[in-house]
Amino acid sequence: MGTMNISLPDALRDFVDEQVKRGYGTSSEYVRELIREDRERLHLRELLLAGAASKAAAPADSAYFKRLRTRVRAARTTGARR
């Protein structure tokens, strides 16, 4: 694992210290969690943008949701996963 040193203004350092007291073991754990969350957010954004740019498949009308509910109920009953 690599090491990275960062400089923070006192107000931000105090904030990080407070977060550590509220449940993170160290400031490094807190920063790692923030980075993981940001990476997940960026990935989700990419997926949303790709979906928005893609061609529409079929309308999500009441029949679509009825079929979806039926599939979910059937999967729950049989224990099947898709």
PDB file of N, CA and C in Angstrom:
ATOM      1  N   MET A   1       0.848  -1.172   0.000  1.00  0.00           N
ATOM      2  CA  MET A   1       0.000   0.000   0.000  1.00  0.00           C
ATOM      3  C   MET A   1       0.891   1.230   0.000  1.00  0.00           C
ATOM      4  N   GLY A   2       0.545   2.181  -0.839  1.00  0.00           N
ATOM      5  CA  GLY A   2       1.306   3.410  -0.929  1.00  0.00           C
ATOM      6  C   GLY A   2       0.918   4.394   0.155  1.00  0.00           C
ATOM      7  N   THR A   3       1.738   5.390   0.307  1.00  0.00           N
ATOM      8  CA  THR A   3       1.496   6.425   1.306  1.00  0.00           C
ATOM      9  C   THR A   3       1.311   7.754   0.602  1.00  0.00           C
ATOM     10  N   MET A   4       0.389   8.565   1.107  1.00  0.00           N
ATOM     11  CA  MET A   4       0.143   9.883   0.554  1.00  0.00           C
ATOM     12  C   MET A   4      -0.063  10.842   1.720  1.00  0.00           C
ATOM     13  N   ASN A   5       0.632  11.930   1.711  1.00  0.00           N
ATOM     14  CA  ASN A   5       0.448  12.953   2.742  1.00  0.00           C
ATOM     15  C   ASN A   5      -0.351  14.094   2.144  1.00  0.00           C
ATOM     16  N   ILE A   6      -1.320  14.590   2.897  1.00  0.00           N
ATOM     17  CA  ILE A   6      -2.106  15.729   2.432  1.00  0.00           C
ATOM     18  C   ILE A   6      -2.091  16.818   3.490  1.00  0.00           C
ATOM     19  N   SER A   7      -2.237  18.038   3.025  1.00  0.00           N
ATOM     20  CA  SER A   7      -2.308  19.185   3.932  1.00  0.00           C
ATOM     21  C   SER A   7      -3.741  19.691   3.939  1.00  0.00           C
ATOM     22  N   LEU A   8      -4.256  19.948   5.120  1.00  0.00           N
ATOM     23  CA  LEU A   8      -5.618  20.445   5.276  1.00  0.00           C
ATOM     24  C   LEU A   8      -5.614  21.695   6.125  1.00  0.00           C
ATOM     25  N   PRO A   9      -6.502  22.634   5.803  1.00  0.00           N
ATOM     26  CA  PRO A   9      -6.687  23.759   6.713  1.00  0.00           C
ATOM     27  C   PRO A   9      -7.197  23.233   8.050  1.00  0.00           C
ATOM     28  N   ASP A  10      -6.969  23.985   9.097  1.00  0.00           N
ATOM     29  CA  ASP A  10      -7.363  23.538  10.438  1.00  0.00           C
ATOM     30  C   ASP A  10      -8.828  23.129  10.521  1.00  0.00           C
ATOM     31  N   ALA A  11      -9.701  23.879   9.869  1.00  0.00           N
ATOM     32  CA  ALA A  11     -11.135  23.580   9.944  1.00  0.00           C
ATOM     33  C   ALA A  11     -11.437  22.205   9.343  1.00  0.00           C
ATOM     34  N   LEU A  12     -10.797  21.876   8.233  1.00  0.00           N
ATOM     35  CA  LEU A  12     -11.017  20.570   7.630  1.00  0.00           C
ATOM     36  C   LEU A  12     -10.383  19.457   8.455  1.00  0.00           C
ATOM     37  N   ARG A  13      -9.235  19.715   8.998  1.00  0.00           N
ATOM     38  CA  ARG A  13      -8.601  18.706   9.844  1.00  0.00           C
ATOM     39  C   ARG A  13      -9.463  18.431  11.075  1.00  0.00           C
ATOM     40  N   ASP A  14     -10.011  19.484  11.671  1.00  0.00           N
ATOM     41  CA  ASP A  14     -10.904  19.299  12.819  1.00  0.00           C
ATOM     42  C   ASP A  14     -12.122  18.462  12.428  1.00  0.00           C
ATOM     43  N   PHE A  15     -12.649  18.714  11.231  1.00  0.00           N
ATOM     44  CA  PHE A  15     -13.800  17.950  10.757  1.00  0.00           C
ATOM     45  C   PHE A  15     -13.442  16.475  10.604  1.00  0.00           C
ATOM     46  N   VAL A  16     -12.309  16.188   9.990  1.00  0.00           N
ATOM     47  CA  VAL A  16     -11.862  14.798   9.826  1.00  0.00           C
ATOM     48  C   VAL A  16     -11.671  14.147  11.189  1.00  0.00           C
ATOM     49  N   ASP A  17     -11.036  14.854  12.112  1.00  0.00           N
ATOM     50  CA  ASP A  17     -10.842  14.309  13.457  1.00  0.00           C
ATOM     51  C   ASP A  17     -12.178  13.973  14.114  1.00  0.00           C
ATOM     52  N   GLU A  18     -13.173  14.809  13.908  1.00  0.00           N
ATOM     53  CA  GLU A  18     -14.501  14.568  14.476  1.00  0.00           C
ATOM     54  C   GLU A  18     -15.134  13.321  13.843  1.00  0.00           C
ATOM     55  N   GLN A  19     -14.959  13.151  12.554  1.00  0.00           N
ATOM     56  CA  GLN A  19     -15.502  11.966  11.889  1.00  0.00           C
ATOM     57  C   GLN A  19     -14.824  10.694  12.394  1.00  0.00           C
ATOM     58  N   VAL A  20     -13.543  10.775  12.646  1.00  0.00           N
ATOM     59  CA  VAL A  20     -12.813   9.626  13.183  1.00  0.00           C
ATOM     60  C   VAL A  20     -13.387   9.247  14.551  1.00  0.00           C
ATOM     61  N   LYS A  21     -13.684  10.251  15.370  1.00  0.00           N
ATOM     62  CA  LYS A  21     -14.259   9.985  16.693  1.00  0.00           C
ATOM     63  C   LYS A  21     -15.643   9.347  16.590  1.00  0.00           C
ATOM     64  N   ARG A  22     -16.337   9.608  15.487  1.00  0.00           N
ATOM     65  CA  ARG A  22     -17.705   9.107  15.314  1.00  0.00           C
ATOM     66  C   ARG A  22     -17.769   7.724  14.685  1.00  0.00           C
ATOM     67  N   GLY A  23     -16.632   7.073  14.494  1.00  0.00           N
ATOM     68  CA  GLY A  23     -16.759   5.709  14.005  1.00  0.00           C
ATOM     69  C   GLY A  23     -15.690   5.214  13.058  1.00  0.00           C
ATOM     70  N   TYR A  24     -14.800   6.049  12.650  1.00  0.00           N
ATOM     71  CA  TYR A  24     -13.703   5.588  11.807  1.00  0.00           C
ATOM     72  C   TYR A  24     -12.486   5.360  12.690  1.00  0.00           C
ATOM     73  N   GLY A  25     -11.723   4.337  12.381  1.00  0.00           N
ATOM     74  CA  GLY A  25     -10.561   4.024  13.197  1.00  0.00           C
ATOM     75  C   GLY A  25      -9.468   5.062  13.089  1.00  0.00           C
ATOM     76  N   THR A  26      -9.253   5.536  11.877  1.00  0.00           N
ATOM     77  CA  THR A  26      -8.189   6.515  11.630  1.00  0.00           C
ATOM     78  C   THR A  26      -8.643   7.486  10.552  1.00  0.00           C
ATOM     79  N   SER A  27      -7.903   8.551  10.413  1.00  0.00           N
ATOM     80  CA  SER A  27      -8.207   9.509   9.344  1.00  0.00           C
ATOM     81  C   SER A  27      -7.998   8.852   7.984  1.00  0.00           C
ATOM     82  N   SER A  28      -7.055   7.926   7.879  1.00  0.00           N
ATOM     83  CA  SER A  28      -6.841   7.215   6.616  1.00  0.00           C
ATOM     84  C   SER A  28      -8.067   6.400   6.228  1.00  0.00           C
ATOM     85  N   GLU A  29      -8.682   5.735   7.203  1.00  0.00           N
ATOM     86  CA  GLU A  29      -9.894   4.970   6.913  1.00  0.00           C
ATOM     87  C   GLU A  29     -11.005   5.880   6.420  1.00  0.00           C
ATOM     88  N   TYR A  30     -11.134   7.036   7.032  1.00  0.00           N
ATOM     89  CA  TYR A  30     -12.159   7.990   6.627  1.00  0.00           C
ATOM     90  C   TYR A  30     -11.917   8.451   5.197  1.00  0.00           C
ATOM     91  N   VAL A  31     -10.706   8.819   4.875  1.00  0.00           N
ATOM     92  CA  VAL A  31     -10.392   9.297   3.524  1.00  0.00           C
ATOM     93  C   VAL A  31     -10.577   8.172   2.509  1.00  0.00           C
ATOM     94  N   ARG A  32     -10.164   6.949   2.831  1.00  0.00           N
ATOM     95  CA  ARG A  32     -10.371   5.825   1.913  1.00  0.00           C
ATOM     96  C   ARG A  32     -11.847   5.626   1.620  1.00  0.00           C
ATOM     97  N   GLU A  33     -12.693   5.734   2.660  1.00  0.00           N
ATOM     98  CA  GLU A  33     -14.130   5.586   2.467  1.00  0.00           C
ATOM     99  C   GLU A  33     -14.674   6.687   1.563  1.00  0.00           C
ATOM    100  N   LEU A  34     -14.231   7.905   1.747  1.00  0.00           N
ATOM    101  CA  LEU A  34     -14.668   9.004   0.883  1.00  0.00           C
ATOM    102  C   LEU A  34     -14.277   8.749  -0.564  1.00  0.00           C
ATOM    103  N   ILE A  35     -13.075   8.263  -0.780  1.00  0.00           N
ATOM    104  CA  ILE A  35     -12.600   7.989  -2.135  1.00  0.00           C
ATOM    105  C   ILE A  35     -13.407   6.859  -2.761  1.00  0.00           C
ATOM    106  N   ARG A  36     -13.683   5.793  -2.003  1.00  0.00           N
ATOM    107  CA  ARG A  36     -14.502   4.694  -2.528  1.00  0.00           C
ATOM    108  C   ARG A  36     -15.890   5.190  -2.919  1.00  0.00           C
ATOM    109  N   GLU A  37     -16.504   6.001  -2.057  1.00  0.00           N
ATOM    110  CA  GLU A  37     -17.834   6.532  -2.352  1.00  0.00           C
ATOM    111  C   GLU A  37     -17.813   7.417  -3.588  1.00  0.00           C
ATOM    112  N   ASP A  38     -16.777   8.224  -3.737  1.00  0.00           N
ATOM    113  CA  ASP A  38     -16.671   9.096  -4.903  1.00  0.00           C
ATOM    114  C   ASP A  38     -16.487   8.269  -6.170  1.00  0.00           C
ATOM    115  N   ARG A  39     -15.683   7.213  -6.085  1.00  0.00           N
ATOM    116  CA  ARG A  39     -15.474   6.349  -7.238  1.00  0.00           C
ATOM    117  C   ARG A  39     -16.794   5.678  -7.635  1.00  0.00           C
ATOM    118  N   GLU A  40     -17.568   5.208  -6.660  1.00  0.00           N
ATOM    119  CA  GLU A  40     -18.866   4.611  -6.945  1.00  0.00           C
ATOM    120  C   GLU A  40     -19.823   5.634  -7.555  1.00  0.00           C
ATOM    121  N   ARG A  41     -19.796   6.862  -7.043  1.00  0.00           N
ATOM    122  CA  ARG A  41     -20.658   7.925  -7.572  1.00  0.00           C
ATOM    123  C   ARG A  41     -20.320   8.209  -9.027  1.00  0.00           C
ATOM    124  N   LEU A  42     -19.032   8.278  -9.340  1.00  0.00           N
ATOM    125  CA  LEU A  42     -18.616   8.539 -10.719  1.00  0.00           C
ATOM    126  C   LEU A  42     -19.011   7.391 -11.645  1.00  0.00           C
ATOM    127  N   HIS A  43     -18.897   6.160 -11.155  1.00  0.00           N
ATOM    128  CA  HIS A  43     -19.294   5.006 -11.958  1.00  0.00           C
ATOM    129  C   HIS A  43     -20.796   5.042 -12.229  1.00  0.00           C
ATOM    130  N   LEU A  44     -21.586   5.344 -11.206  1.00  0.00           N
ATOM    131  CA  LEU A  44     -23.027   5.449 -11.375  1.00  0.00           C
ATOM    132  C   LEU A  44     -23.371   6.553 -12.372  1.00  0.00           C
ATOM    133  N   ARG A  45     -22.678   7.662 -12.284  1.00  0.00           N
ATOM    134  CA  ARG A  45     -22.910   8.764 -13.224  1.00  0.00           C
ATOM    135  C   ARG A  45     -22.638   8.319 -14.654  1.00  0.00           C
ATOM    136  N   GLU A  46     -21.545   7.586 -14.861  1.00  0.00           N
ATOM    137  CA  GLU A  46     -21.228   7.077 -16.198  1.00  0.00           C
ATOM    138  C   GLU A  46     -22.329   6.156 -16.704  1.00  0.00           C
ATOM    139  N   LEU A  47     -22.822   5.279 -15.830  1.00  0.00           N
ATOM    140  CA  LEU A  47     -23.895   4.372 -16.232  1.00  0.00           C
ATOM    141  C   LEU A  47     -25.173   5.129 -16.579  1.00  0.00           C
ATOM    142  N   LEU A  48     -25.500   6.136 -15.778  1.00  0.00           N
ATOM    143  CA  LEU A  48     -26.696   6.933 -16.046  1.00  0.00           C
ATOM    144  C   LEU A  48     -26.580   7.691 -17.358  1.00  0.00           C
ATOM    145  N   LEU A  49     -25.413   8.271 -17.610  1.00  0.00           N
ATOM    146  CA  LEU A  49     -25.211   8.996 -18.866  1.00  0.00           C
ATOM    147  C   LEU A  49     -25.276   8.050 -20.059  1.00  0.00           C
ATOM    148  N   ALA A  50     -24.696   6.861 -19.924  1.00  0.00           N
ATOM    149  CA  ALA A  50     -24.761   5.880 -21.005  1.00  0.00           C
ATOM    150  C   ALA A  50     -26.208   5.452 -21.252  1.00  0.00           C
ATOM    151  N   GLY A  51     -26.953   5.264 -20.184  1.00  0.00           N
ATOM    152  CA  GLY A  51     -28.352   4.893 -20.331  1.00  0.00           C
ATOM    153  C   GLY A  51     -29.166   5.997 -20.972  1.00  0.00           C
ATOM    154  N   ALA A  52     -28.902   7.237 -20.588  1.00  0.00           N
ATOM    155  CA  ALA A  52     -29.630   8.368 -21.164  1.00  0.00           C
ATOM    156  C   ALA A  52     -29.313   8.538 -22.640  1.00  0.00           C
ATOM    157  N   ALA A  53     -28.096   8.180 -23.035  1.00  0.00           N
ATOM    158  CA  ALA A  53     -27.689   8.335 -24.432  1.00  0.00           C
ATOM    159  C   ALA A  53     -28.113   7.141 -25.289  1.00  0.00           C
ATOM    160  N   SER A  54     -28.545   6.061 -24.661  1.00  0.00           N
ATOM    161  CA  SER A  54     -28.892   4.862 -25.423  1.00  0.00           C
ATOM    162  C   SER A  54     -30.292   4.985 -26.021  1.00  0.00           C
ATOM    163  N   LYS A  55     -30.517   4.146 -27.008  1.00  0.00           N
ATOM    164  CA  LYS A  55     -31.814   4.114 -27.677  1.00  0.00           C
ATOM    165  C   LYS A  55     -32.852   3.523 -26.729  1.00  0.00           C
ATOM    166  N   ALA A  56     -34.018   4.108 -26.719  1.00  0.00           N
ATOM    167  CA  ALA A  56     -35.096   3.611 -25.868  1.00  0.00           C
ATOM    168  C   ALA A  56     -35.542   2.238 -26.351  1.00  0.00           C
ATOM    169  N   ALA A  57     -35.800   1.346 -25.402  1.00  0.00           N
ATOM    170  CA  ALA A  57     -36.206  -0.016 -25.758  1.00  0.00           C
ATOM    171  C   ALA A  57     -37.721  -0.095 -25.886  1.00  0.00           C
ATOM    172  N   ALA A  58     -38.399  -0.085 -24.805  1.00  0.00           N
ATOM    173  CA  ALA A  58     -39.858  -0.170 -24.796  1.00  0.00           C
ATOM    174  C   ALA A  58     -40.369   0.725 -23.678  1.00  0.00           C
ATOM    175  N   PRO A  59     -41.585   1.211 -23.816  1.00  0.00           N
ATOM    176  CA  PRO A  59     -42.109   2.088 -22.761  1.00  0.00           C
ATOM    177  C   PRO A  59     -42.312   1.328 -21.451  1.00  0.00           C
ATOM    178  N   ALA A  60     -42.079   2.024 -20.358  1.00  0.00           N
ATOM    179  CA  ALA A  60     -42.302   1.447 -19.028  1.00  0.00           C
ATOM    180  C   ALA A  60     -43.725   1.813 -18.615  1.00  0.00           C
ATOM    181  N   ASP A  61     -44.674   1.119 -19.230  1.00  0.00           N
ATOM    182  CA  ASP A  61     -46.082   1.381 -18.946  1.00  0.00           C
ATOM    183  C   ASP A  61     -46.596   0.426 -17.875  1.00  0.00           C
ATOM    184  N   SER A  62     -47.884   0.466 -17.606  1.00  0.00           N
ATOM    185  CA  SER A  62     -48.440  -0.371 -16.547  1.00  0.00           C
ATOM    186  C   SER A  62     -48.279  -1.862 -16.852  1.00  0.00           C
ATOM    187  N   ALA A  63     -48.331  -2.250 -18.111  1.00  0.00           N
ATOM    188  CA  ALA A  63     -48.128  -3.659 -18.472  1.00  0.00           C
ATOM    189  C   ALA A  63     -46.704  -4.106 -18.152  1.00  0.00           C
ATOM    190  N   TYR A  64     -45.741  -3.240 -18.400  1.00  0.00           N
ATOM    191  CA  TYR A  64     -44.344  -3.555 -18.086  1.00  0.00           C
ATOM    192  C   TYR A  64     -44.190  -3.822 -16.587  1.00  0.00           C
ATOM    193  N   PHE A  65     -44.737  -2.939 -15.761  1.00  0.00           N
ATOM    194  CA  PHE A  65     -44.598  -3.100 -14.317  1.00  0.00           C
ATOM    195  C   PHE A  65     -45.363  -4.323 -13.809  1.00  0.00           C
ATOM    196  N   LYS A  66     -46.482  -4.648 -14.457  1.00  0.00           N
ATOM    197  CA  LYS A  66     -47.218  -5.852 -14.079  1.00  0.00           C
ATOM    198  C   LYS A  66     -46.365  -7.088 -14.359  1.00  0.00           C
ATOM    199  N   ARG A  67     -45.725  -7.141 -15.534  1.00  0.00           N
ATOM    200  CA  ARG A  67     -44.843  -8.276 -15.858  1.00  0.00           C
ATOM    201  C   ARG A  67     -43.667  -8.342 -14.896  1.00  0.00           C
ATOM    202  N   LEU A  68     -43.115  -7.192 -14.547  1.00  0.00           N
ATOM    203  CA  LEU A  68     -41.992  -7.155 -13.623  1.00  0.00           C
ATOM    204  C   LEU A  68     -42.387  -7.689 -12.247  1.00  0.00           C
ATOM    205  N   ARG A  69     -43.532  -7.251 -11.750  1.00  0.00           N
ATOM    206  CA  ARG A  69     -44.011  -7.749 -10.452  1.00  0.00           C
ATOM    207  C   ARG A  69     -44.232  -9.258 -10.491  1.00  0.00           C
ATOM    208  N   THR A  70     -44.768  -9.746 -11.590  1.00  0.00           N
ATOM    209  CA  THR A  70     -44.995 -11.191 -11.731  1.00  0.00           C
ATOM    210  C   THR A  70     -43.675 -11.943 -11.697  1.00  0.00           C
ATOM    211  N   ARG A  71     -42.667 -11.445 -12.405  1.00  0.00           N
ATOM    212  CA  ARG A  71     -41.345 -12.083 -12.400  1.00  0.00           C
ATOM    213  C   ARG A  71     -40.725 -12.078 -11.016  1.00  0.00           C
ATOM    214  N   VAL A  72     -40.837 -10.967 -10.309  1.00  0.00           N
ATOM    215  CA  VAL A  72     -40.257 -10.862  -8.961  1.00  0.00           C
ATOM    216  C   VAL A  72     -40.948 -11.825  -8.012  1.00  0.00           C
ATOM    217  N   ARG A  73     -42.265 -11.890  -8.079  1.00  0.00           N
ATOM    218  CA  ARG A  73     -43.002 -12.805  -7.203  1.00  0.00           C
ATOM    219  C   ARG A  73     -42.636 -14.252  -7.507  1.00  0.00           C
ATOM    220  N   ALA A  74     -42.527 -14.583  -8.791  1.00  0.00           N
ATOM    221  CA  ALA A  74     -42.164 -15.955  -9.166  1.00  0.00           C
ATOM    222  C   ALA A  74     -40.760 -16.291  -8.686  1.00  0.00           C
ATOM    223  N   ALA A  75     -39.846 -15.368  -8.812  1.00  0.00           N
ATOM    224  CA  ALA A  75     -38.472 -15.604  -8.366  1.00  0.00           C
ATOM    225  C   ALA A  75     -38.426 -15.761  -6.849  1.00  0.00           C
ATOM    226  N   ARG A  76     -39.203 -14.987  -6.149  1.00  0.00           N
ATOM    227  CA  ARG A  76     -39.249 -15.073  -4.680  1.00  0.00           C
ATOM    228  C   ARG A  76     -39.818 -16.426  -4.248  1.00  0.00           C
ATOM    229  N   THR A  77     -40.821 -16.892  -4.960  1.00  0.00           N
ATOM    230  CA  THR A  77     -41.466 -18.167  -4.630  1.00  0.00           C
ATOM    231  C   THR A  77     -40.540 -19.351  -4.876  1.00  0.00           C
ATOM    232  N   THR A  78     -39.817 -19.301  -6.003  1.00  0.00           N
ATOM    233  CA  THR A  78     -38.950 -20.437  -6.350  1.00  0.00           C
ATOM    234  C   THR A  78     -37.546 -20.286  -5.792  1.00  0.00           C
ATOM    235  N   GLY A  79     -37.235 -19.100  -5.288  1.00  0.00           N
ATOM    236  CA  GLY A  79     -35.884 -18.872  -4.774  1.00  0.00           C
ATOM    237  C   GLY A  79     -34.888 -18.627  -5.893  1.00  0.00           C
ATOM    238  N   ALA A  80     -35.369 -18.499  -7.102  1.00  0.00           N
ATOM    239  CA  ALA A  80     -34.487 -18.276  -8.252  1.00  0.00           C
ATOM    240  C   ALA A  80     -33.999 -16.846  -8.267  1.00  0.00           C
ATOM    241  N   ARG A  81     -32.792 -16.711  -8.776  1.00  0.00           N
ATOM    242  CA  ARG A  81     -32.223 -15.367  -8.933  1.00  0.00           C
ATOM    243  C   ARG A  81     -31.859 -15.173 -10.375  1.00  0.00           C
ATOM    244  N   ARG A  82     -32.022 -13.976 -10.819  1.00  0.00           N
ATOM    245  CA  ARG A  82     -31.692 -13.680 -12.201  1.00  0.00           C
ATOM    246  C   ARG A  82     -30.675 -12.612 -12.290  1.00  0.00           C
TER     247      ARG A  82
END
